Amino acid sequence: MSLNLPKPIADYVEANARLDLEGMMKHFTNDAVFIDNGKRYEGSAEIRKLLRDEAIAVKAIFEPDAVREEDGNVVLEGPAHGEFPGSPLRFTYRFTLANDAIKVLETTV
């Protein structure tokens, strides 16, 4: 399924599909916030560690199959599969963009 996504989000999803940590990181603002199931990570260093330890390490690839706009945010839904318990799991990713970059990313199962 082809989704019409803003470029920073499309590029982030494509980098995730390649398990490309640097490609995923380059789409965040320097002061970005990543909220993963309620736990907050702030700034590039914390987000990089989260993605390295919780996504790349278990080969977690998110494959969105639905997109909508909600309160000015872009919301993606779809399965993530990888080498983690319960794979695949269905996730919701809520992106807030600023200056053509990801300012906030919130993920929930």
Protein backbone atom coordinates (compact mmCIF):
# COMPACT_ATOMS: atom_id res chain seq x y z
CA MET A 1 0.00 0.00 0.00
CA SER A 2 1.36 3.41 -0.97
CA LEU A 3 0.73 6.11 1.61
CA ASN A 4 1.00 9.82 0.88
CA LEU A 5 3.31 10.94 3.70
CA PRO A 6 5.24 14.12 4.38
CA LYS A 7 8.86 13.66 3.28
CA PRO A 8 10.51 13.47 6.74
CA ILE A 9 8.04 10.78 7.81
CA ALA A 10 8.33 8.83 4.55
CA ASP A 11 12.13 8.99 4.81
CA TYR A 12 12.04 7.86 8.45
CA VAL A 13 9.83 4.87 7.59
CA GLU A 14 12.08 3.95 4.64
CA ALA A 15 15.22 4.20 6.82
CA ASN A 16 13.54 1.99 9.43
CA ALA A 17 12.78 -0.60 6.73
CA ARG A 18 16.54 -0.73 6.04
CA LEU A 19 17.33 -0.75 9.80
CA ASP A 20 19.40 2.37 9.08
CA LEU A 21 19.88 4.15 12.41
CA GLU A 22 21.59 7.20 10.93
CA GLY A 23 18.89 7.50 8.28
CA MET A 24 16.21 7.42 10.96
CA MET A 25 18.00 9.96 13.18
CA LYS A 26 18.55 12.58 10.50
CA HIS A 27 14.82 13.37 10.38
CA PHE A 28 14.54 14.51 14.01
CA THR A 29 15.04 18.05 15.26
CA ASN A 30 17.94 18.44 17.72
CA ASP A 31 15.49 18.93 20.59
CA ALA A 32 13.03 16.24 19.49
CA VAL A 33 11.03 14.13 21.92
CA PHE A 34 10.24 10.43 21.41
CA ILE A 35 7.52 8.97 23.63
CA ASP A 36 7.57 5.18 23.55
CA ASN A 37 4.53 3.67 25.28
CA GLY A 38 4.51 6.52 27.78
CA LYS A 39 8.26 6.68 28.43
CA ARG A 40 9.81 9.98 27.34
CA TYR A 41 13.19 10.33 25.58
CA GLU A 42 14.49 13.83 24.90
CA GLY A 43 17.19 14.96 22.51
CA SER A 44 19.30 13.21 19.92
CA ALA A 45 21.43 11.13 22.31
CA GLU A 46 18.46 9.59 24.14
CA ILE A 47 16.51 8.97 20.93
CA ARG A 48 19.55 7.38 19.24
CA LYS A 49 20.03 5.02 22.21
CA LEU A 50 16.33 4.11 22.22
CA LEU A 51 16.28 3.35 18.50
CA ARG A 52 19.55 1.41 18.66
CA ASP A 53 18.53 -0.68 21.69
CA GLU A 54 14.79 -1.11 21.06
CA ALA A 55 14.43 -1.10 17.27
CA ILE A 56 17.70 -1.87 15.49
CA ALA A 57 18.84 -4.51 18.02
CA VAL A 58 15.66 -6.57 17.52
CA LYS A 59 15.29 -5.77 13.80
CA ALA A 60 11.94 -4.06 14.43
CA ILE A 61 10.48 -2.80 11.17
CA PHE A 62 7.27 -0.76 11.17
CA GLU A 63 5.06 -1.19 8.09
CA PRO A 64 2.29 1.41 8.20
CA ASP A 65 -0.91 0.49 6.41
CA ALA A 66 -3.10 3.45 7.42
CA VAL A 67 -2.54 7.20 7.73
CA ARG A 68 -4.69 10.06 8.98
CA GLU A 69 -4.31 13.61 10.20
CA GLU A 70 -5.41 14.27 13.75
CA ASP A 71 -5.07 17.57 15.63
CA GLY A 72 -2.34 18.73 13.22
CA ASN A 73 -0.36 15.51 13.64
CA VAL A 74 0.24 12.70 11.16
CA VAL A 75 -0.90 9.38 12.62
CA LEU A 76 0.27 6.08 11.14
CA GLU A 77 -0.97 2.64 12.10
CA GLY A 78 0.38 -0.74 11.13
CA PRO A 79 2.32 -3.80 12.21
CA ALA A 80 5.92 -3.92 13.36
CA HIS A 81 7.75 -7.19 13.02
CA GLY A 82 11.13 -8.31 14.20
CA GLU A 83 12.92 -10.47 16.72
CA PHE A 84 10.88 -9.49 19.78
CA PRO A 85 8.16 -11.24 21.83
CA GLY A 86 4.71 -11.08 20.25
CA SER A 87 5.98 -10.10 16.80
CA PRO A 88 4.24 -8.80 14.84
CA LEU A 89 2.56 -6.16 17.01
CA ARG A 90 0.27 -3.42 15.75
CA PHE A 91 1.53 0.08 16.54
CA THR A 92 0.29 3.64 16.26
CA TYR A 93 2.91 6.29 15.47
CA ARG A 94 1.90 9.93 16.03
CA PHE A 95 4.26 12.44 14.39
CA THR A 96 4.43 16.17 15.12
CA LEU A 97 6.47 18.03 12.52
CA ALA A 98 8.28 21.36 12.80
CA ASN A 99 10.36 23.00 10.07
CA ASP A 100 10.15 19.89 7.87
CA ALA A 101 11.53 17.60 10.60
CA ILE A 102 10.17 15.32 13.32
CA LYS A 103 9.68 17.31 16.53
CA VAL A 104 7.70 14.68 18.48
CA LEU A 105 7.14 11.00 17.79
CA GLU A 106 4.83 9.05 20.06
CA THR A 107 4.44 5.30 19.63
CA THR A 108 1.86 3.08 21.30
CA VAL A 109 0.91 -0.56 20.98
